[in-house]
C-alpha cells in the first residue's frame, strides 16, 4: 500500500452481523451495499468514525491488560454498530458500480498471475491473450475496481512483494538487489525511484529483521477507508 495508508481489518461472527443488519429499518439496502467491492464514504464522515474507533481501542486497553470475553463482545458490538452506521448514513454513495463482477475477475486473475510469475510479470498484452479479452476490457476492469491502470497495479504488487522480502529478512541474508530481482526488477535506479514514490522511503531505509534502517519508518495511525 502507498505511504500514508494503513489497512485495518475486522472479522465478525457471521450470525451476529447478519442479525444486526436484519434489525435495521432497510436491511435490503445494506445487503446491496455489502455486495459492492468498494463503498465510498465522505472524508469528514470517515474522520469522525476513525476518532471514535481510536478512542474505543484506547479505552479498551486502559480497562485491562488482557481483553476479557465481555470486553471483546463489547468491542464487537460497537464495531458492528459503527459499520452499520457508516453504511446507513445518507451521505454514503449507494450507487452500485456496474461491471464490478467481470472487473473483479480481471483484477483477481492479474493479481494471481503477477504473484505466481513474479520474475516475469504479465503485460497488458499478456492479460488480453491469456484471458481472451480486449485491451479495453482490461483497462475498464481496472478502472472500475482498482481505480488505477493495470500497469500501475502490477508495479505496486511487485514493489510490495520486494518490501515484504526486505522486512522479513536480515541484511546479511538478502541484499536489496536480490530481493528486487526476485520480483523482476533488474534496473535498480528505476526500482529505487518507484519504491520511494510508493512508500516514501528508499529500499535501504526499510526496517529489516536485524533492526537496520537508514531512518525510522513511521506510518500514520488511524483507520483508513476509501474516501469519496
C-alpha atoms as a PDB file:
ATOM      1  CA  UNK A   1       0.000   0.000   0.000  1.00  0.00           C
ATOM      2  CA  UNK A   2       1.157   3.596  -0.519  1.00  0.00           C
ATOM      3  CA  UNK A   3       2.871   5.553   2.235  1.00  0.00           C
ATOM      4  CA  UNK A   4       0.291   7.231   4.442  1.00  0.00           C
ATOM      5  CA  UNK A   5      -2.273   4.431   4.278  1.00  0.00           C
ATOM      6  CA  UNK A   6      -2.951   1.791   6.893  1.00  0.00           C
ATOM      7  CA  UNK A   7      -5.298  -1.148   6.457  1.00  0.00           C
ATOM      8  CA  UNK A   8      -7.284  -2.363   9.453  1.00  0.00           C
ATOM      9  CA  UNK A   9      -9.468  -5.450   9.030  1.00  0.00           C
ATOM     10  CA  UNK A  10     -12.258  -6.605  11.333  1.00  0.00           C
ATOM     11  CA  UNK A  11     -13.845 -10.041  11.354  1.00  0.00           C
ATOM     12  CA  UNK A  12     -17.257 -10.611  12.889  1.00  0.00           C
ATOM     13  CA  UNK A  13     -19.289 -13.662  13.756  1.00  0.00           C
ATOM     14  CA  UNK A  14     -21.451 -14.079  10.647  1.00  0.00           C
ATOM     15  CA  UNK A  15     -24.668 -14.784  12.526  1.00  0.00           C
ATOM     16  CA  UNK A  16     -24.206 -11.808  14.857  1.00  0.00           C
ATOM     17  CA  UNK A  17     -23.506  -9.462  11.957  1.00  0.00           C
ATOM     18  CA  UNK A  18     -26.440 -10.696   9.864  1.00  0.00           C
ATOM     19  CA  UNK A  19     -28.734 -10.331  12.863  1.00  0.00           C
ATOM     20  CA  UNK A  20     -27.576  -6.716  13.335  1.00  0.00           C
ATOM     21  CA  UNK A  21     -28.176  -5.950   9.643  1.00  0.00           C
ATOM     22  CA  UNK A  22     -31.622  -7.568   9.716  1.00  0.00           C
ATOM     23  CA  UNK A  23     -32.656  -5.375  12.655  1.00  0.00           C
ATOM     24  CA  UNK A  24     -32.131  -2.182  10.623  1.00  0.00           C
ATOM     25  CA  UNK A  25     -35.018  -0.284   9.039  1.00  0.00           C
ATOM     26  CA  UNK A  26     -33.979  -1.164   5.469  1.00  0.00           C
ATOM     27  CA  UNK A  27     -31.809  -4.296   5.596  1.00  0.00           C
ATOM     28  CA  UNK A  28     -32.120  -4.864   1.827  1.00  0.00           C
ATOM     29  CA  UNK A  29     -30.177  -1.639   1.155  1.00  0.00           C
ATOM     30  CA  UNK A  30     -27.360  -2.774   3.437  1.00  0.00           C
ATOM     31  CA  UNK A  31     -27.261  -6.170   1.724  1.00  0.00           C
ATOM     32  CA  UNK A  32     -26.844  -4.443  -1.643  1.00  0.00           C
ATOM     33  CA  UNK A  33     -24.058  -2.223  -0.336  1.00  0.00           C
ATOM     34  CA  UNK A  34     -22.188  -5.147   1.204  1.00  0.00           C
ATOM     35  CA  UNK A  35     -22.003  -6.813  -2.220  1.00  0.00           C
ATOM     36  CA  UNK A  36     -20.113  -3.868  -3.702  1.00  0.00           C
ATOM     37  CA  UNK A  37     -16.301  -4.139  -3.990  1.00  0.00           C
ATOM     38  CA  UNK A  38     -15.860  -0.585  -2.652  1.00  0.00           C
ATOM     39  CA  UNK A  39     -18.188   1.591  -0.599  1.00  0.00           C
ATOM     40  CA  UNK A  40     -17.321   5.275  -0.769  1.00  0.00           C
ATOM     41  CA  UNK A  41     -17.854   7.418   2.332  1.00  0.00           C
ATOM     42  CA  UNK A  42     -17.218  11.201   2.554  1.00  0.00           C
ATOM     43  CA  UNK A  43     -13.880  12.051   4.170  1.00  0.00           C
ATOM     44  CA  UNK A  44     -15.345  14.089   7.048  1.00  0.00           C
ATOM     45  CA  UNK A  45     -17.664  11.212   7.966  1.00  0.00           C
ATOM     46  CA  UNK A  46     -14.701   8.828   7.992  1.00  0.00           C
ATOM     47  CA  UNK A  47     -12.687  11.149  10.217  1.00  0.00           C
ATOM     48  CA  UNK A  48     -15.433  11.135  12.857  1.00  0.00           C
ATOM     49  CA  UNK A  49     -15.691   7.357  12.691  1.00  0.00           C
ATOM     50  CA  UNK A  50     -11.921   6.982  12.892  1.00  0.00           C
ATOM     51  CA  UNK A  51     -11.719   9.160  16.000  1.00  0.00           C
ATOM     52  CA  UNK A  52     -14.448   7.164  17.717  1.00  0.00           C
ATOM     53  CA  UNK A  53     -12.732   3.854  16.944  1.00  0.00           C
ATOM     54  CA  UNK A  54      -9.336   5.065  18.135  1.00  0.00           C
ATOM     55  CA  UNK A  55     -10.994   6.201  21.378  1.00  0.00           C
ATOM     56  CA  UNK A  56     -12.664   2.804  21.687  1.00  0.00           C
ATOM     57  CA  UNK A  57      -9.362   0.925  21.380  1.00  0.00           C
ATOM     58  CA  UNK A  58      -7.609   3.240  23.828  1.00  0.00           C
ATOM     59  CA  UNK A  59     -10.401   2.793  26.351  1.00  0.00           C
ATOM     60  CA  UNK A  60     -10.306  -0.991  25.959  1.00  0.00           C
ATOM     61  CA  UNK A  61      -6.538  -1.060  26.546  1.00  0.00           C
ATOM     62  CA  UNK A  62      -6.877   1.075  29.661  1.00  0.00           C
ATOM     63  CA  UNK A  63      -9.612  -1.139  31.096  1.00  0.00           C
ATOM     64  CA  UNK A  64      -7.475  -4.231  31.376  1.00  0.00           C
ATOM     65  CA  UNK A  65      -4.176  -5.708  30.223  1.00  0.00           C
ATOM     66  CA  UNK A  66      -5.881  -8.841  28.900  1.00  0.00           C
ATOM     67  CA  UNK A  67      -9.032  -8.443  26.833  1.00  0.00           C
ATOM     68  CA  UNK A  68     -11.765 -10.483  28.510  1.00  0.00           C
ATOM     69  CA  UNK A  69     -14.649 -12.156  26.703  1.00  0.00           C
ATOM     70  CA  UNK A  70     -17.008  -9.448  27.960  1.00  0.00           C
ATOM     71  CA  UNK A  71     -14.800  -6.636  26.676  1.00  0.00           C
ATOM     72  CA  UNK A  72     -14.337  -8.442  23.368  1.00  0.00           C
ATOM     73  CA  UNK A  73     -18.112  -8.729  22.947  1.00  0.00           C
ATOM     74  CA  UNK A  74     -18.481  -5.043  23.779  1.00  0.00           C
ATOM     75  CA  UNK A  75     -15.861  -4.076  21.201  1.00  0.00           C
ATOM     76  CA  UNK A  76     -17.526  -6.268  18.568  1.00  0.00           C
ATOM     77  CA  UNK A  77     -20.925  -4.692  19.231  1.00  0.00           C
ATOM     78  CA  UNK A  78     -19.500  -1.178  18.919  1.00  0.00           C
ATOM     79  CA  UNK A  79     -17.608  -2.042  15.711  1.00  0.00           C
ATOM     80  CA  UNK A  80     -20.677  -3.603  14.092  1.00  0.00           C
ATOM     81  CA  UNK A  81     -22.739  -0.600  15.118  1.00  0.00           C
ATOM     82  CA  UNK A  82     -20.168   1.802  13.673  1.00  0.00           C
ATOM     83  CA  UNK A  83     -20.000  -0.066  10.366  1.00  0.00           C
ATOM     84  CA  UNK A  84     -23.776  -0.181  10.009  1.00  0.00           C
ATOM     85  CA  UNK A  85     -23.936   3.500  10.916  1.00  0.00           C
ATOM     86  CA  UNK A  86     -21.498   4.310   8.108  1.00  0.00           C
ATOM     87  CA  UNK A  87     -23.426   2.245   5.567  1.00  0.00           C
ATOM     88  CA  UNK A  88     -26.745   3.728   6.666  1.00  0.00           C
ATOM     89  CA  UNK A  89     -25.516   7.307   6.504  1.00  0.00           C
ATOM     90  CA  UNK A  90     -27.433   9.317   3.849  1.00  0.00           C
ATOM     91  CA  UNK A  91     -24.125  10.732   2.536  1.00  0.00           C
ATOM     92  CA  UNK A  92     -22.854   7.227   1.704  1.00  0.00           C
ATOM     93  CA  UNK A  93     -22.545   6.593  -2.034  1.00  0.00           C
ATOM     94  CA  UNK A  94     -25.122   3.866  -2.590  1.00  0.00           C
ATOM     95  CA  UNK A  95     -24.733   3.534  -6.369  1.00  0.00           C
ATOM     96  CA  UNK A  96     -23.746   0.054  -7.488  1.00  0.00           C
ATOM     97  CA  UNK A  97     -20.677   0.010  -9.753  1.00  0.00           C
ATOM     98  CA  UNK A  98     -21.675  -1.683 -12.975  1.00  0.00           C
ATOM     99  CA  UNK A  99     -19.423  -4.404 -14.278  1.00  0.00           C
ATOM    100  CA  UNK A 100     -17.840  -4.991 -10.888  1.00  0.00           C
ATOM    101  CA  UNK A 101     -18.162  -8.763 -11.261  1.00  0.00           C
ATOM    102  CA  UNK A 102     -16.240  -9.032 -14.539  1.00  0.00           C
ATOM    103  CA  UNK A 103     -13.847  -6.290 -13.448  1.00  0.00           C
ATOM    104  CA  UNK A 104     -13.107  -8.078 -10.168  1.00  0.00           C
ATOM    105  CA  UNK A 105     -12.409 -11.275 -12.102  1.00  0.00           C
ATOM    106  CA  UNK A 106      -9.914  -9.465 -14.357  1.00  0.00           C
ATOM    107  CA  UNK A 107      -8.114  -7.818 -11.429  1.00  0.00           C
ATOM    108  CA  UNK A 108      -8.030 -11.064  -9.438  1.00  0.00           C
ATOM    109  CA  UNK A 109      -6.565 -13.031 -12.348  1.00  0.00           C
ATOM    110  CA  UNK A 110      -3.980 -10.319 -12.930  1.00  0.00           C
ATOM    111  CA  UNK A 111      -3.009 -10.429  -9.262  1.00  0.00           C
ATOM    112  CA  UNK A 112      -2.657 -14.219  -9.333  1.00  0.00           C
ATOM    113  CA  UNK A 113      -0.518 -14.148 -12.475  1.00  0.00           C
ATOM    114  CA  UNK A 114       1.738 -11.416 -11.093  1.00  0.00           C
ATOM    115  CA  UNK A 115       2.378 -13.247  -7.821  1.00  0.00           C
ATOM    116  CA  UNK A 116       2.802 -16.651  -9.463  1.00  0.00           C
ATOM    117  CA  UNK A 117       5.120 -15.382 -12.206  1.00  0.00           C
ATOM    118  CA  UNK A 118       6.903 -12.630 -10.315  1.00  0.00           C
ATOM    119  CA  UNK A 119      10.133 -12.989 -12.271  1.00  0.00           C
ATOM    120  CA  UNK A 120       8.255 -12.308 -15.491  1.00  0.00           C
ATOM    121  CA  UNK A 121       5.167 -10.232 -14.608  1.00  0.00           C
ATOM    122  CA  UNK A 122       2.392 -10.112 -17.215  1.00  0.00           C
ATOM    123  CA  UNK A 123       1.975  -7.167 -19.557  1.00  0.00           C
ATOM    124  CA  UNK A 124      -1.384  -5.806 -20.669  1.00  0.00           C
ATOM    125  CA  UNK A 125      -0.935  -7.772 -23.898  1.00  0.00           C
ATOM    126  CA  UNK A 126      -0.338 -10.958 -21.875  1.00  0.00           C
ATOM    127  CA  UNK A 127      -3.528 -10.348 -19.891  1.00  0.00           C
ATOM    128  CA  UNK A 128      -5.543  -9.849 -23.076  1.00  0.00           C
ATOM    129  CA  UNK A 129      -4.122 -13.004 -24.622  1.00  0.00           C
ATOM    130  CA  UNK A 130      -4.420 -15.249 -21.594  1.00  0.00           C
ATOM    131  CA  UNK A 131      -7.867 -14.054 -20.506  1.00  0.00           C
ATOM    132  CA  UNK A 132      -9.057 -13.782 -24.124  1.00  0.00           C
ATOM    133  CA  UNK A 133     -10.447 -10.312 -23.692  1.00  0.00           C
ATOM    134  CA  UNK A 134      -9.824  -6.958 -25.332  1.00  0.00           C
ATOM    135  CA  UNK A 135      -7.390  -4.322 -24.132  1.00  0.00           C
ATOM    136  CA  UNK A 136     -10.337  -2.034 -23.489  1.00  0.00           C
ATOM    137  CA  UNK A 137     -11.954  -4.643 -21.213  1.00  0.00           C
ATOM    138  CA  UNK A 138      -8.745  -4.892 -19.195  1.00  0.00           C
ATOM    139  CA  UNK A 139      -8.462  -1.114 -18.851  1.00  0.00           C
ATOM    140  CA  UNK A 140     -12.132  -0.703 -17.934  1.00  0.00           C
ATOM    141  CA  UNK A 141     -11.962  -3.549 -15.401  1.00  0.00           C
ATOM    142  CA  UNK A 142      -9.079  -1.961 -13.547  1.00  0.00           C
ATOM    143  CA  UNK A 143     -10.635   1.486 -13.726  1.00  0.00           C
ATOM    144  CA  UNK A 144     -13.930   0.291 -12.199  1.00  0.00           C
ATOM    145  CA  UNK A 145     -12.476  -1.955  -9.478  1.00  0.00           C
ATOM    146  CA  UNK A 146      -8.971  -0.740  -8.606  1.00  0.00           C
ATOM    147  CA  UNK A 147      -9.290   2.857  -9.852  1.00  0.00           C
ATOM    148  CA  UNK A 148      -5.869   2.671 -11.480  1.00  0.00           C
ATOM    149  CA  UNK A 149      -4.197   1.290 -14.595  1.00  0.00           C
ATOM    150  CA  UNK A 150      -3.167  -2.379 -14.910  1.00  0.00           C
ATOM    151  CA  UNK A 151       0.476  -1.324 -15.357  1.00  0.00           C
ATOM    152  CA  UNK A 152       0.476   0.647 -12.107  1.00  0.00           C
ATOM    153  CA  UNK A 153      -1.401  -2.121 -10.289  1.00  0.00           C
ATOM    154  CA  UNK A 154       1.138  -4.759 -11.332  1.00  0.00           C
ATOM    155  CA  UNK A 155       4.036  -2.482 -10.390  1.00  0.00           C
ATOM    156  CA  UNK A 156       2.540  -1.910  -6.924  1.00  0.00           C
ATOM    157  CA  UNK A 157       2.097  -5.652  -6.362  1.00  0.00           C
ATOM    158  CA  UNK A 158       5.759  -6.239  -7.209  1.00  0.00           C
ATOM    159  CA  UNK A 159       7.018  -3.336  -5.096  1.00  0.00           C
ATOM    160  CA  UNK A 160       5.001  -4.598  -2.131  1.00  0.00           C
ATOM    161  CA  UNK A 161       6.496  -8.034  -2.747  1.00  0.00           C
ATOM    162  CA  UNK A 162      10.016  -6.628  -2.512  1.00  0.00           C
ATOM    163  CA  UNK A 163       9.103  -4.704   0.629  1.00  0.00           C
ATOM    164  CA  UNK A 164       7.838  -7.880   2.298  1.00  0.00           C
ATOM    165  CA  UNK A 165      11.060  -9.676   1.333  1.00  0.00           C
ATOM    166  CA  UNK A 166      13.147  -6.901   2.880  1.00  0.00           C
ATOM    167  CA  UNK A 167      11.116  -6.647   6.078  1.00  0.00           C
ATOM    168  CA  UNK A 168      11.142 -10.415   6.647  1.00  0.00           C
ATOM    169  CA  UNK A 169      14.891 -10.980   6.100  1.00  0.00           C
ATOM    170  CA  UNK A 170      18.188  -9.808   7.552  1.00  0.00           C
ATOM    171  CA  UNK A 171      20.607  -7.574   5.692  1.00  0.00           C
ATOM    172  CA  UNK A 172      23.252 -10.298   5.860  1.00  0.00           C
ATOM    173  CA  UNK A 173      20.888 -12.866   4.330  1.00  0.00           C
ATOM    174  CA  UNK A 174      19.433 -10.907   1.417  1.00  0.00           C
ATOM    175  CA  UNK A 175      20.624  -7.843  -0.436  1.00  0.00           C
ATOM    176  CA  UNK A 176      18.268  -5.252  -1.855  1.00  0.00           C
ATOM    177  CA  UNK A 177      19.346  -6.261  -5.354  1.00  0.00           C
ATOM    178  CA  UNK A 178      18.478  -9.910  -4.698  1.00  0.00           C
ATOM    179  CA  UNK A 179      15.067  -9.005  -3.282  1.00  0.00           C
ATOM    180  CA  UNK A 180      14.348  -6.756  -6.251  1.00  0.00           C
ATOM    181  CA  UNK A 181      15.471  -9.412  -8.734  1.00  0.00           C
ATOM    182  CA  UNK A 182      13.076 -11.951  -7.198  1.00  0.00           C
ATOM    183  CA  UNK A 183      10.234  -9.688  -8.334  1.00  0.00           C
ATOM    184  CA  UNK A 184      11.632  -8.912 -11.766  1.00  0.00           C
ATOM    185  CA  UNK A 185      13.321  -5.569 -11.017  1.00  0.00           C
ATOM    186  CA  UNK A 186      16.756  -5.507 -12.634  1.00  0.00           C
ATOM    187  CA  UNK A 187      17.261  -1.761 -13.192  1.00  0.00           C
ATOM    188  CA  UNK A 188      17.988  -0.753  -9.603  1.00  0.00           C
ATOM    189  CA  UNK A 189      17.880   3.019 -10.063  1.00  0.00           C
ATOM    190  CA  UNK A 190      14.406   2.873 -11.638  1.00  0.00           C
ATOM    191  CA  UNK A 191      13.336   0.397  -8.977  1.00  0.00           C
ATOM    192  CA  UNK A 192      14.574   2.639  -6.146  1.00  0.00           C
ATOM    193  CA  UNK A 193      12.746   5.647  -7.603  1.00  0.00           C
ATOM    194  CA  UNK A 194       9.451   3.728  -7.894  1.00  0.00           C
ATOM    195  CA  UNK A 195       9.908   2.296  -4.383  1.00  0.00           C
ATOM    196  CA  UNK A 196      10.481   5.745  -2.918  1.00  0.00           C
ATOM    197  CA  UNK A 197       7.466   7.159  -4.749  1.00  0.00           C
ATOM    198  CA  UNK A 198       5.148   4.458  -3.376  1.00  0.00           C
ATOM    199  CA  UNK A 199       6.444   4.068   0.189  1.00  0.00           C
ATOM    200  CA  UNK A 200       8.066   7.431   0.898  1.00  0.00           C
ATOM    201  CA  UNK A 201      11.437   5.855   1.672  1.00  0.00           C
ATOM    202  CA  UNK A 202      14.324   4.237  -0.180  1.00  0.00           C
ATOM    203  CA  UNK A 203      14.783   0.453  -0.029  1.00  0.00           C
ATOM    204  CA  UNK A 204      17.878   0.977   2.109  1.00  0.00           C
ATOM    205  CA  UNK A 205      15.720   2.801   4.679  1.00  0.00           C
ATOM    206  CA  UNK A 206      13.214  -0.031   5.116  1.00  0.00           C
ATOM    207  CA  UNK A 207      13.328  -1.681   8.526  1.00  0.00           C
ATOM    208  CA  UNK A 208      14.915  -5.142   8.401  1.00  0.00           C
ATOM    209  CA  UNK A 209      14.779  -8.036  10.890  1.00  0.00           C
ATOM    210  CA  UNK A 210      18.106  -7.065  12.459  1.00  0.00           C
ATOM    211  CA  UNK A 211      16.830  -3.547  13.053  1.00  0.00           C
ATOM    212  CA  UNK A 212      18.977  -1.819  10.432  1.00  0.00           C
ATOM    213  CA  UNK A 213      17.366   1.184   8.843  1.00  0.00           C
ATOM    214  CA  UNK A 214      18.510   4.471   7.403  1.00  0.00           C
ATOM    215  CA  UNK A 215      15.774   6.204   9.426  1.00  0.00           C
ATOM    216  CA  UNK A 216      12.780   5.089  11.487  1.00  0.00           C
ATOM    217  CA  UNK A 217       9.716   4.186   9.463  1.00  0.00           C
ATOM    218  CA  UNK A 218       6.645   5.830  10.918  1.00  0.00           C
ATOM    219  CA  UNK A 219       3.238   5.017   9.482  1.00  0.00           C
ATOM    220  CA  UNK A 220       0.435   7.425  10.364  1.00  0.00           C
ATOM    221  CA  UNK A 221      -2.066   5.944  12.791  1.00  0.00           C
ATOM    222  CA  UNK A 222      -5.812   5.720  12.472  1.00  0.00           C
ATOM    223  CA  UNK A 223      -8.274   3.845  10.347  1.00  0.00           C
ATOM    224  CA  UNK A 224      -8.112   4.421   6.598  1.00  0.00           C
ATOM    225  CA  UNK A 225     -11.141   3.702   4.450  1.00  0.00           C
ATOM    226  CA  UNK A 226     -11.880   4.649   0.847  1.00  0.00           C
ATOM    227  CA  UNK A 227     -12.574   8.370   0.662  1.00  0.00           C
ATOM    228  CA  UNK A 228     -15.178   9.608  -1.775  1.00  0.00           C
END
